Amino acid sequence: MNLTSVARTKTYLGMTANTSDTVIGQLVARASDQVIRWCSNTFERTSHTNARYDGFGSAVLRLPDTPVITVSRVLLGTTSIPASADGIAAGYQFDELNVFLFGGYLFNSGKRQVGVDYVSGYATTQADYVPAANGPYTITPTTGGYAAADLGVSNTTSGTAYARVVGVPLTGNYSYSEGVYTFNATDTGAAVTMTYDYVPGAVEQAVIELVGTSLKQRDNLGVSSRSLRDESISYSDKDMSDSVKGLLWPYKKVVPV
């Protein structure tokens, strides 16, 4: 999965011409793969079914793939545990990192004694308004980061779902491409809620910086330094700069995907 788009990369790098779009697209794909491998994190929504984990006799279980979007089943051995509606009644609840047990339940001690069905990934919503007359009738959501995968649009007031289409949308429809939602002119001013999976902003920034560095290095392949009249310029041969690693450290997983 690409962790940013060509258009967003060009905007940050201050590029307007289309002559390098193919090269930038290749670099975005390469940099995205580099970041995914370095972080051991796909940044994609992932379903975990019949996942088994070791229990340690406690009431808290840290899940390996986070953030957690939803948990649909918890097993202690082979016994299914209900969800707890209030954190008081016996059952389970969860947050972005953990599953919690209430009412005397504990995660059984032993190898693979706990089963959890859950979905992990980066998901969010953003409420906004279709832009006013004269357009363009587009919204680029910013909550969370780069909206990498569309999960639907609804009217914020009525809850009515908009239908996603390919091409120019009609009234009540929308199209989506590389983080941008497009609506029909007749929907001007409509309150809409967009639901999407996103790439965290720091991760996208790391990819864009890697692409920018690669573009600059094209003119210096095989060159470690240059001497000018009053100064000497040295070029880094690191695959990833310390600043880029700093952006990515919070998202690096200790256990490989």
Protein backbone atom coordinates (compact mmCIF):
# COMPACT_ATOMS: atom_id res chain seq x y z
CA MET A 1 0.00 0.00 0.00
CA ASN A 2 1.26 3.47 -0.86
CA LEU A 3 1.45 5.64 2.27
CA THR A 4 0.92 8.89 0.39
CA SER A 5 0.02 10.04 -3.12
CA VAL A 6 1.97 11.64 -5.95
CA ALA A 7 -0.13 14.80 -5.70
CA ARG A 8 0.46 15.22 -1.96
CA THR A 9 4.17 14.59 -2.39
CA LYS A 10 4.44 17.20 -5.13
CA THR A 11 2.54 19.74 -3.05
CA TYR A 12 4.96 19.37 -0.14
CA LEU A 13 8.02 19.47 -2.41
CA GLY A 14 6.72 22.54 -4.26
CA MET A 15 6.52 20.77 -7.62
CA THR A 16 3.86 21.69 -10.18
CA ALA A 17 5.04 20.19 -13.49
CA ASN A 18 3.85 16.72 -14.43
CA THR A 19 7.05 15.65 -16.17
CA SER A 20 8.33 13.65 -13.18
CA ASP A 21 5.03 12.07 -12.07
CA THR A 22 6.02 8.57 -13.17
CA VAL A 23 9.33 8.74 -11.32
CA ILE A 24 7.67 10.21 -8.22
CA GLY A 25 5.07 7.44 -8.30
CA GLN A 26 7.83 4.83 -8.36
CA LEU A 27 9.65 6.55 -5.50
CA VAL A 28 6.46 6.79 -3.43
CA ALA A 29 5.93 3.03 -3.84
CA ARG A 30 9.55 2.29 -2.94
CA ALA A 31 9.60 4.62 0.06
CA SER A 32 6.27 3.23 1.31
CA ASP A 33 7.65 -0.31 1.15
CA GLN A 34 10.82 0.84 2.95
CA VAL A 35 8.81 2.41 5.77
CA ILE A 36 6.49 -0.61 6.08
CA ARG A 37 9.47 -2.94 6.38
CA TRP A 38 11.37 -0.72 8.82
CA CYS A 39 8.33 -0.35 11.08
CA SER A 40 7.18 -3.99 10.68
CA ASN A 41 3.78 -2.35 10.29
CA THR A 42 1.55 -2.46 7.20
CA PHE A 43 -0.61 0.50 8.37
CA GLU A 44 -3.57 -1.31 6.77
CA ARG A 45 -6.79 -2.50 8.40
CA THR A 46 -6.21 -6.13 9.39
CA SER A 47 -8.70 -8.73 10.62
CA HIS A 48 -7.42 -11.22 13.20
CA THR A 49 -9.60 -14.32 13.44
CA ASN A 50 -9.00 -17.17 15.90
CA ALA A 51 -5.82 -15.41 17.08
CA ARG A 52 -4.41 -17.24 20.12
CA TYR A 53 -2.24 -15.68 22.81
CA ASP A 54 -0.56 -16.71 26.04
CA GLY A 55 -2.37 -15.86 29.26
CA PHE A 56 -0.69 -14.78 32.49
CA GLY A 57 -3.55 -14.91 34.97
CA SER A 58 -4.27 -11.19 34.82
CA ALA A 59 -7.33 -9.19 33.79
CA VAL A 60 -5.51 -7.24 31.05
CA LEU A 61 -4.19 -8.52 27.72
CA ARG A 62 -2.04 -6.31 25.47
CA LEU A 63 -2.75 -7.13 21.83
CA PRO A 64 0.22 -7.24 19.44
CA ASP A 65 -1.37 -5.41 16.51
CA THR A 66 -2.61 -1.95 17.38
CA PRO A 67 -4.44 0.36 17.38
CA VAL A 68 -7.46 -1.86 17.95
CA ILE A 69 -10.60 -0.82 16.06
CA THR A 70 -13.01 -3.44 17.36
CA VAL A 71 -13.07 -6.74 19.27
CA SER A 72 -15.80 -9.21 18.34
CA ARG A 73 -14.95 -12.29 20.45
CA VAL A 74 -12.86 -13.26 23.47
CA LEU A 75 -12.25 -16.89 24.42
CA LEU A 76 -10.83 -18.18 27.69
CA GLY A 77 -9.76 -21.64 26.62
CA THR A 78 -12.84 -22.59 24.64
CA THR A 79 -15.33 -20.52 26.66
CA SER A 80 -16.70 -17.41 24.96
CA ILE A 81 -16.83 -14.31 27.19
CA PRO A 82 -19.57 -11.70 26.66
CA ALA A 83 -18.88 -8.02 26.18
CA SER A 84 -19.35 -5.85 29.26
CA ALA A 85 -21.58 -2.87 28.53
CA ASP A 86 -20.42 -0.76 31.46
CA GLY A 87 -17.12 -2.14 32.75
CA ILE A 88 -18.89 -3.41 35.84
CA ALA A 89 -20.90 -6.35 34.54
CA ALA A 90 -18.89 -9.52 33.90
CA GLY A 91 -17.32 -9.59 30.46
CA TYR A 92 -14.73 -7.75 28.38
CA GLN A 93 -14.05 -4.26 27.10
CA PHE A 94 -11.19 -2.92 25.00
CA ASP A 95 -9.29 0.21 24.09
CA GLU A 96 -6.73 0.93 21.35
CA LEU A 97 -4.13 -1.32 22.98
CA ASN A 98 -5.70 -3.80 25.39
CA VAL A 99 -8.56 -6.13 26.23
CA PHE A 100 -9.85 -5.86 29.83
CA LEU A 101 -11.84 -8.44 31.78
CA PHE A 102 -14.40 -7.62 34.50
CA GLY A 103 -16.51 -9.51 37.02
CA GLY A 104 -13.82 -11.91 38.19
CA TYR A 105 -12.70 -13.17 34.79
CA LEU A 106 -8.94 -13.60 34.24
CA PHE A 107 -6.91 -14.52 31.18
CA ASN A 108 -6.00 -18.18 31.76
CA SER A 109 -2.33 -18.80 32.47
CA GLY A 110 -0.58 -20.91 29.85
CA LYS A 111 0.38 -21.09 26.21
CA ARG A 112 -2.30 -20.07 23.71
CA GLN A 113 -5.03 -20.12 26.34
CA VAL A 114 -6.65 -16.91 25.12
CA GLY A 115 -8.48 -16.38 21.85
CA VAL A 116 -9.36 -12.95 20.44
CA ASP A 117 -11.10 -11.97 17.21
CA TYR A 118 -10.36 -8.34 16.46
CA VAL A 119 -9.65 -5.74 13.82
CA SER A 120 -6.64 -3.43 13.97
CA GLY A 121 -5.69 -0.38 11.95
CA TYR A 122 -5.99 3.38 11.80
CA ALA A 123 -9.61 4.45 11.31
CA THR A 124 -11.45 7.70 11.91
CA THR A 125 -14.26 9.97 10.74
CA GLN A 126 -14.42 13.63 9.81
CA ALA A 127 -17.52 15.80 9.57
CA ASP A 128 -17.38 18.66 7.06
CA TYR A 129 -19.44 20.61 4.52
CA VAL A 130 -19.42 20.30 0.76
CA PRO A 131 -17.79 23.55 -0.44
CA ALA A 132 -19.90 26.50 -1.49
CA ALA A 133 -20.89 27.46 -5.04
CA ASN A 134 -18.28 27.69 -7.80
CA GLY A 135 -16.41 24.68 -6.41
CA PRO A 136 -14.37 22.65 -6.67
CA TYR A 137 -16.75 20.44 -4.72
CA THR A 138 -14.02 18.44 -3.05
CA ILE A 139 -13.00 17.71 0.53
CA THR A 140 -9.56 16.48 1.56
CA PRO A 141 -9.94 15.25 5.15
CA THR A 142 -7.05 15.84 7.53
CA THR A 143 -8.16 14.13 10.73
CA GLY A 144 -5.59 11.48 11.61
CA GLY A 145 -3.54 11.84 8.46
CA TYR A 146 -3.72 10.77 4.81
CA ALA A 147 -7.12 9.22 4.03
CA ALA A 148 -5.75 6.11 2.34
CA ALA A 149 -8.92 4.01 2.08
CA ASP A 150 -12.53 5.19 1.88
CA LEU A 151 -15.10 3.46 4.09
CA GLY A 152 -18.16 5.50 3.19
CA VAL A 153 -19.90 8.89 3.37
CA SER A 154 -23.20 9.81 4.99
CA ASN A 155 -25.28 12.93 5.47
CA THR A 156 -24.40 14.16 8.96
CA THR A 157 -27.95 15.38 9.64
CA SER A 158 -30.09 12.56 8.28
CA GLY A 159 -27.64 9.68 8.36
CA THR A 160 -28.47 8.84 4.74
CA ALA A 161 -25.58 7.13 2.99
CA TYR A 162 -24.09 8.62 -0.15
CA ALA A 163 -23.37 6.17 -2.97
CA ARG A 164 -19.79 5.97 -4.16
CA VAL A 165 -19.38 6.12 -7.94
CA VAL A 166 -16.59 6.13 -10.47
CA GLY A 167 -16.40 9.32 -12.48
CA VAL A 168 -18.48 12.47 -12.01
CA PRO A 169 -20.91 12.05 -9.08
CA LEU A 170 -24.60 12.90 -9.33
CA THR A 171 -26.69 14.35 -6.50
CA GLY A 172 -26.30 12.20 -3.40
CA ASN A 173 -23.23 10.46 -4.82
CA TYR A 174 -19.52 10.93 -4.29
CA SER A 175 -16.25 9.75 -5.76
CA TYR A 176 -12.98 9.11 -3.98
CA SER A 177 -9.39 9.08 -5.19
CA GLU A 178 -6.12 9.25 -3.25
CA GLY A 179 -7.49 10.99 -0.19
CA VAL A 180 -9.87 13.38 -1.98
CA TYR A 181 -13.69 13.19 -1.87
CA THR A 182 -15.63 14.79 -4.74
CA PHE A 183 -19.35 15.69 -4.65
CA ASN A 184 -21.95 17.05 -7.06
CA ALA A 185 -22.54 20.81 -7.26
CA THR A 186 -26.15 20.34 -6.11
CA ASP A 187 -24.85 19.07 -2.76
CA THR A 188 -23.20 22.42 -2.00
CA GLY A 189 -23.38 23.18 1.71
CA ALA A 190 -24.45 19.66 2.68
CA ALA A 191 -23.09 18.39 6.00
CA VAL A 192 -21.30 15.11 5.36
CA THR A 193 -19.38 12.63 7.50
CA MET A 194 -16.53 10.74 5.86
CA THR A 195 -15.27 7.48 7.32
CA TYR A 196 -11.87 6.24 6.25
CA ASP A 197 -8.70 4.38 7.14
CA TYR A 198 -5.74 6.71 7.36
CA VAL A 199 -1.97 6.77 7.35
CA PRO A 200 -0.68 8.71 10.41
CA GLY A 201 0.63 12.13 9.47
CA ALA A 202 4.16 11.47 10.74
CA VAL A 203 4.37 8.28 8.69
CA GLU A 204 3.25 10.04 5.53
CA GLN A 205 5.76 12.82 6.20
CA ALA A 206 8.55 10.27 6.49
CA VAL A 207 7.64 8.80 3.10
CA ILE A 208 7.54 12.24 1.45
CA GLU A 209 10.93 13.14 2.90
CA LEU A 210 12.41 9.88 1.61
CA VAL A 211 11.05 10.68 -1.85
CA GLY A 212 12.46 14.21 -1.68
CA THR A 213 15.88 12.89 -0.70
CA SER A 214 15.84 10.34 -3.53
CA LEU A 215 15.00 13.04 -6.08
CA LYS A 216 17.92 15.18 -4.91
CA GLN A 217 20.31 12.23 -4.94
CA ARG A 218 19.58 11.53 -8.62
CA ASP A 219 22.02 14.30 -9.49
CA ASN A 220 24.68 13.00 -7.12
CA LEU A 221 24.79 9.27 -7.78
CA GLY A 222 28.20 7.92 -6.87
CA VAL A 223 29.32 11.28 -5.48
CA SER A 224 30.18 11.52 -1.75
CA SER A 225 31.14 15.21 -1.68
CA ARG A 226 31.64 18.33 -3.79
CA SER A 227 34.11 21.14 -3.27
CA LEU A 228 33.06 24.69 -4.04
CA ARG A 229 35.15 27.84 -3.81
CA ASP A 230 34.47 28.56 -0.15
CA GLU A 231 32.90 25.37 1.15
CA SER A 232 32.70 21.61 0.87
CA ILE A 233 29.37 19.74 0.67
CA SER A 234 29.12 16.12 1.83
CA TYR A 235 26.26 13.79 0.89
CA SER A 236 24.80 11.24 3.30
CA ASP A 237 24.84 7.60 2.23
CA LYS A 238 22.23 6.57 4.84
CA ASP A 239 19.19 4.71 3.57
CA MET A 240 17.09 6.59 6.13
CA SER A 241 18.00 9.79 7.95
CA ASP A 242 17.81 10.18 11.72
CA SER A 243 14.99 12.71 11.34
CA VAL A 244 12.92 10.24 9.32
CA LYS A 245 13.56 7.50 11.88
CA GLY A 246 12.44 9.93 14.58
CA LEU A 247 9.12 10.34 12.79
CA LEU A 248 8.67 6.57 12.53
CA TRP A 249 9.84 5.34 15.95
CA PRO A 250 6.40 5.63 17.60
CA TYR A 251 4.97 3.30 14.92
CA LYS A 252 7.72 0.66 14.89
CA LYS A 253 6.59 -2.74 16.08
CA VAL A 254 8.95 -4.96 18.05
CA VAL A 255 7.32 -8.14 16.78
CA PRO A 256 7.41 -8.38 12.95
CA VAL A 257 4.11 -8.40 11.10
